[in-house]
C-alpha atoms as a PDB file:
ATOM      1  CA  MET A   1     -89.786  50.544  15.897  1.00  0.00           C
ATOM      2  CA  GLN A   2     -87.961  47.681  17.526  1.00  0.00           C
ATOM      3  CA  SER A   3     -85.293  47.602  14.771  1.00  0.00           C
ATOM      4  CA  GLU A   4     -84.612  51.323  15.313  1.00  0.00           C
ATOM      5  CA  SER A   5     -83.953  50.770  19.032  1.00  0.00           C
ATOM      6  CA  ARG A   6     -81.604  47.900  18.145  1.00  0.00           C
ATOM      7  CA  ARG A   7     -79.704  50.193  15.790  1.00  0.00           C
ATOM      8  CA  LYS A   8     -79.346  52.835  18.508  1.00  0.00           C
ATOM      9  CA  PHE A   9     -78.139  50.198  20.952  1.00  0.00           C
ATOM     10  CA  ILE A  10     -75.552  48.947  18.442  1.00  0.00           C
ATOM     11  CA  VAL A  11     -74.346  52.503  17.750  1.00  0.00           C
ATOM     12  CA  ILE A  12     -73.953  53.119  21.499  1.00  0.00           C
ATOM     13  CA  LEU A  13     -72.011  49.870  21.904  1.00  0.00           C
ATOM     14  CA  LEU A  14     -69.759  50.781  18.961  1.00  0.00           C
ATOM     15  CA  ALA A  15     -69.123  54.242  20.400  1.00  0.00           C
ATOM     16  CA  LEU A  16     -68.258  52.782  23.809  1.00  0.00           C
ATOM     17  CA  SER A  17     -65.891  50.229  22.256  1.00  0.00           C
ATOM     18  CA  CYS A  18     -64.162  52.998  20.256  1.00  0.00           C
ATOM     19  CA  ILE A  19     -63.732  55.094  23.406  1.00  0.00           C
ATOM     20  CA  LEU A  20     -62.381  52.089  25.312  1.00  0.00           C
ATOM     21  CA  ALA A  21     -59.979  51.191  22.465  1.00  0.00           C
ATOM     22  CA  THR A  22     -58.708  54.789  22.336  1.00  0.00           C
ATOM     23  CA  TYR A  23     -58.165  54.785  26.102  1.00  0.00           C
ATOM     24  CA  LEU A  24     -56.210  51.506  25.917  1.00  0.00           C
ATOM     25  CA  LEU A  25     -54.122  52.776  23.011  1.00  0.00           C
ATOM     26  CA  ILE A  26     -53.176  55.977  24.816  1.00  0.00           C
ATOM     27  CA  GLY A  27     -52.924  54.484  28.297  1.00  0.00           C
ATOM     28  CA  THR A  28     -50.602  51.564  27.610  1.00  0.00           C
ATOM     29  CA  SER A  29     -46.925  51.942  27.064  1.00  0.00           C
ATOM     30  CA  PRO A  30     -45.165  49.928  24.336  1.00  0.00           C
ATOM     31  CA  ILE A  31     -42.913  47.049  25.275  1.00  0.00           C
ATOM     32  CA  THR A  32     -39.379  48.342  25.334  1.00  0.00           C
ATOM     33  CA  GLN A  33     -36.822  46.174  23.621  1.00  0.00           C
ATOM     34  CA  LYS A  34     -33.720  45.578  25.689  1.00  0.00           C
ATOM     35  CA  LYS A  35     -30.383  45.987  23.996  1.00  0.00           C
ATOM     36  CA  LEU A  36     -27.887  43.168  23.746  1.00  0.00           C
ATOM     37  CA  VAL A  37     -24.559  44.880  24.387  1.00  0.00           C
ATOM     38  CA  ARG A  38     -22.249  41.880  24.781  1.00  0.00           C
ATOM     39  CA  SER A  39     -22.679  38.236  23.971  1.00  0.00           C
ATOM     40  CA  SER A  40     -21.812  37.464  27.593  1.00  0.00           C
ATOM     41  CA  GLN A  41     -25.306  38.735  28.437  1.00  0.00           C
ATOM     42  CA  ILE A  42     -26.655  35.637  26.687  1.00  0.00           C
ATOM     43  CA  ASP A  43     -24.537  33.462  28.982  1.00  0.00           C
ATOM     44  CA  SER A  44     -25.925  35.268  32.021  1.00  0.00           C
ATOM     45  CA  LEU A  45     -29.504  34.778  30.834  1.00  0.00           C
ATOM     46  CA  ILE A  46     -28.843  31.084  30.207  1.00  0.00           C
ATOM     47  CA  THR A  47     -27.304  30.670  33.663  1.00  0.00           C
ATOM     48  CA  LEU A  48     -30.190  32.440  35.378  1.00  0.00           C
ATOM     49  CA  THR A  49     -32.774  30.358  33.541  1.00  0.00           C
ATOM     50  CA  LEU A  50     -30.981  27.117  34.395  1.00  0.00           C
ATOM     51  CA  GLU A  51     -30.817  28.193  38.041  1.00  0.00           C
ATOM     52  CA  ASP A  52     -34.569  28.868  37.965  1.00  0.00           C
ATOM     53  CA  PHE A  53     -35.049  25.268  36.836  1.00  0.00           C
ATOM     54  CA  ASN A  54     -32.777  23.968  39.645  1.00  0.00           C
ATOM     55  CA  ILE A  55     -30.278  22.535  37.172  1.00  0.00           C
ATOM     56  CA  ALA A  56     -27.033  22.135  39.084  1.00  0.00           C
ATOM     57  CA  SER A  57     -23.765  23.444  37.689  1.00  0.00           C
ATOM     58  CA  ASN A  58     -22.333  19.911  37.600  1.00  0.00           C
ATOM     59  CA  GLN A  59     -25.079  19.018  35.079  1.00  0.00           C
ATOM     60  CA  VAL A  60     -23.871  21.733  32.686  1.00  0.00           C
ATOM     61  CA  ARG A  61     -20.719  21.599  30.600  1.00  0.00           C
ATOM     62  CA  LYS A  62     -19.721  24.577  28.470  1.00  0.00           C
ATOM     63  CA  ARG A  63     -17.257  24.561  25.617  1.00  0.00           C
ATOM     64  CA  ASP A  64     -16.366  27.112  22.972  1.00  0.00           C
ATOM     65  CA  ILE A  65     -16.140  26.374  19.255  1.00  0.00           C
ATOM     66  CA  GLN A  66     -14.123  28.706  17.048  1.00  0.00           C
ATOM     67  CA  VAL A  67     -16.300  29.610  14.027  1.00  0.00           C
ATOM     68  CA  ASP A  68     -13.855  31.969  12.337  1.00  0.00           C
ATOM     69  CA  SER A  69     -10.978  34.229  13.339  1.00  0.00           C
ATOM     70  CA  VAL A  70     -13.209  36.700  15.206  1.00  0.00           C
ATOM     71  CA  PHE A  71     -16.227  34.681  16.325  1.00  0.00           C
ATOM     72  CA  SER A  72     -16.610  31.721  18.641  1.00  0.00           C
ATOM     73  CA  ARG A  73     -19.813  30.002  19.702  1.00  0.00           C
ATOM     74  CA  SER A  74     -20.469  28.522  23.126  1.00  0.00           C
ATOM     75  CA  VAL A  75     -22.095  25.118  23.327  1.00  0.00           C
ATOM     76  CA  TYR A  76     -23.770  24.014  26.549  1.00  0.00           C
ATOM     77  CA  ASN A  77     -24.280  20.306  27.205  1.00  0.00           C
ATOM     78  CA  ILE A  78     -27.008  19.989  29.818  1.00  0.00           C
ATOM     79  CA  ARG A  79     -27.919  16.700  31.462  1.00  0.00           C
ATOM     80  CA  VAL A  80     -31.450  16.417  32.868  1.00  0.00           C
ATOM     81  CA  ALA A  81     -33.641  13.724  34.400  1.00  0.00           C
ATOM     82  CA  PRO A  82     -35.523  11.556  31.861  1.00  0.00           C
ATOM     83  CA  ASN A  83     -38.932  12.980  32.828  1.00  0.00           C
ATOM     84  CA  PHE A  84     -37.740  16.628  32.780  1.00  0.00           C
ATOM     85  CA  SER A  85     -39.826  18.732  30.375  1.00  0.00           C
ATOM     86  CA  LYS A  86     -37.425  20.153  27.815  1.00  0.00           C
ATOM     87  CA  THR A  87     -40.298  21.919  26.092  1.00  0.00           C
ATOM     88  CA  THR A  88     -40.992  23.954  29.236  1.00  0.00           C
ATOM     89  CA  LEU A  89     -37.330  24.939  29.376  1.00  0.00           C
ATOM     90  CA  HIS A  90     -37.500  26.014  25.715  1.00  0.00           C
ATOM     91  CA  TYR A  91     -40.653  28.063  26.354  1.00  0.00           C
ATOM     92  CA  THR A  92     -39.188  29.777  29.417  1.00  0.00           C
ATOM     93  CA  MET A  93     -35.951  30.482  27.585  1.00  0.00           C
ATOM     94  CA  LYS A  94     -37.947  32.091  24.774  1.00  0.00           C
ATOM     95  CA  GLN A  95     -39.757  34.355  27.250  1.00  0.00           C
ATOM     96  CA  GLU A  96     -36.478  35.440  28.864  1.00  0.00           C
ATOM     97  CA  LEU A  97     -34.625  36.056  25.594  1.00  0.00           C
ATOM     98  CA  TRP A  98     -37.383  37.637  23.495  1.00  0.00           C
ATOM     99  CA  PRO A  99     -36.924  41.208  24.838  1.00  0.00           C
ATOM    100  CA  TYR A 100     -33.289  41.065  23.669  1.00  0.00           C
ATOM    101  CA  ARG A 101     -34.350  39.965  20.167  1.00  0.00           C
ATOM    102  CA  ILE A 102     -32.776  36.561  20.660  1.00  0.00           C
ATOM    103  CA  ASN A 103     -34.715  33.784  18.956  1.00  0.00           C
ATOM    104  CA  PRO A 104     -34.396  30.282  20.437  1.00  0.00           C
ATOM    105  CA  VAL A 105     -34.976  27.622  17.789  1.00  0.00           C
ATOM    106  CA  ALA A 106     -35.290  24.031  18.971  1.00  0.00           C
ATOM    107  CA  LYS A 107     -34.853  20.711  17.250  1.00  0.00           C
ATOM    108  CA  VAL A 108     -35.698  17.423  18.924  1.00  0.00           C
ATOM    109  CA  GLU A 109     -33.787  14.342  17.833  1.00  0.00           C
ATOM    110  CA  PHE A 110     -35.708  11.078  17.985  1.00  0.00           C
ATOM    111  CA  PRO A 111     -35.692   8.410  19.361  1.00  0.00           C
ATOM    112  CA  ALA A 112     -33.325   9.746  22.040  1.00  0.00           C
ATOM    113  CA  LYS A 113     -35.513  12.874  22.509  1.00  0.00           C
ATOM    114  CA  ASP A 114     -32.451  15.085  22.880  1.00  0.00           C
ATOM    115  CA  MET A 115     -33.131  18.752  22.233  1.00  0.00           C
ATOM    116  CA  ARG A 116     -30.800  21.144  20.457  1.00  0.00           C
ATOM    117  CA  LEU A 117     -31.680  24.728  21.270  1.00  0.00           C
ATOM    118  CA  HIS A 118     -29.954  27.283  19.031  1.00  0.00           C
ATOM    119  CA  LEU A 119     -30.018  30.926  20.160  1.00  0.00           C
ATOM    120  CA  LEU A 120     -30.083  33.157  17.089  1.00  0.00           C
ATOM    121  CA  VAL A 121     -29.303  36.862  16.934  1.00  0.00           C
ATOM    122  CA  ASN A 122     -29.879  38.385  13.489  1.00  0.00           C
ATOM    123  CA  ASP A 123     -30.150  34.861  12.034  1.00  0.00           C
ATOM    124  CA  GLN A 124     -26.708  33.884  13.337  1.00  0.00           C
ATOM    125  CA  ILE A 125     -26.281  31.170  15.963  1.00  0.00           C
ATOM    126  CA  TYR A 126     -24.621  32.614  19.055  1.00  0.00           C
ATOM    127  CA  ARG A 127     -25.196  29.792  21.547  1.00  0.00           C
ATOM    128  CA  THR A 128     -26.300  26.170  21.392  1.00  0.00           C
ATOM    129  CA  LEU A 129     -27.818  24.202  24.250  1.00  0.00           C
ATOM    130  CA  ILE A 130     -27.821  20.430  23.907  1.00  0.00           C
ATOM    131  CA  ILE A 131     -30.264  19.034  26.456  1.00  0.00           C
ATOM    132  CA  GLN A 132     -29.906  15.289  27.023  1.00  0.00           C
ATOM    133  CA  ASP A 133     -31.558  12.770  29.304  1.00  0.00           C
ATOM    134  CA  ASP A 134     -29.375  11.201  31.973  1.00  0.00           C
ATOM    135  CA  GLN A 135     -30.775   8.034  33.521  1.00  0.00           C
ATOM    136  CA  ASP A 136     -28.715   8.609  36.690  1.00  0.00           C
ATOM    137  CA  LEU A 137     -30.502  11.872  37.505  1.00  0.00           C
ATOM    138  CA  ILE A 138     -33.753  12.165  39.434  1.00  0.00           C
ATOM    139  CA  LEU A 139     -36.253  14.947  38.837  1.00  0.00           C
ATOM    140  CA  GLN A 140     -35.968  17.486  41.637  1.00  0.00           C
ATOM    141  CA  GLN A 141     -38.698  19.491  43.259  1.00  0.00           C
ATOM    142  CA  ASN A 142     -39.678  22.655  41.308  1.00  0.00           C
ATOM    143  CA  GLN A 143     -38.551  21.169  37.989  1.00  0.00           C
ATOM    144  CA  PRO A 144     -41.095  20.811  35.170  1.00  0.00           C
ATOM    145  CA  GLU A 145     -42.179  17.297  34.506  1.00  0.00           C
ATOM    146  CA  ILE A 146     -43.678  15.498  31.533  1.00  0.00           C
ATOM    147  CA  LEU A 147     -47.274  14.822  32.495  1.00  0.00           C
ATOM    148  CA  PRO A 148     -48.836  11.405  31.908  1.00  0.00           C
ATOM    149  CA  GLY A 149     -50.961  11.281  28.787  1.00  0.00           C
ATOM    150  CA  GLN A 150     -49.067  13.937  26.843  1.00  0.00           C
ATOM    151  CA  ASP A 151     -48.176  12.979  23.311  1.00  0.00           C
ATOM    152  CA  SER A 152     -44.522  12.760  22.394  1.00  0.00           C
ATOM    153  CA  HIS A 153     -44.904  15.515  19.781  1.00  0.00           C
ATOM    154  CA  GLU A 154     -46.196  17.923  22.453  1.00  0.00           C
ATOM    155  CA  VAL A 155     -43.303  17.400  24.782  1.00  0.00           C
ATOM    156  CA  ASP A 156     -39.634  16.650  24.323  1.00  0.00           C
END
């Protein structure tokens, strides 16, 4: 008798979970992908993200590299304080660029711990951010910091 009541309880729970899942499926709207119209939108997103991290314009140098006769790539050299968390910048950049189907791929060069962040659209590099430590800079308020005890493979 007790096993039959357990079965009824399980069936009721399954029915409730199916109703809840159906409600969530119908009630939520899908994430709309934003459209990348011009490559200058990438520059705007980069600038806004750097401003959010309080990286001053004098810490950023931009140059263009001609790839072929119709395409040029912008390269940003960004100087940051030695204890600035480059991984946090990469993560935030990924969150900002993902709706536009821009994939930021990072590579950290050791022992200098410089990060190269390539922004790919349809598997083609459109922008490159080279993030380097500058011993003359001091970490500002509201900038992410490497926390003590983090392993080097977890951060920058």
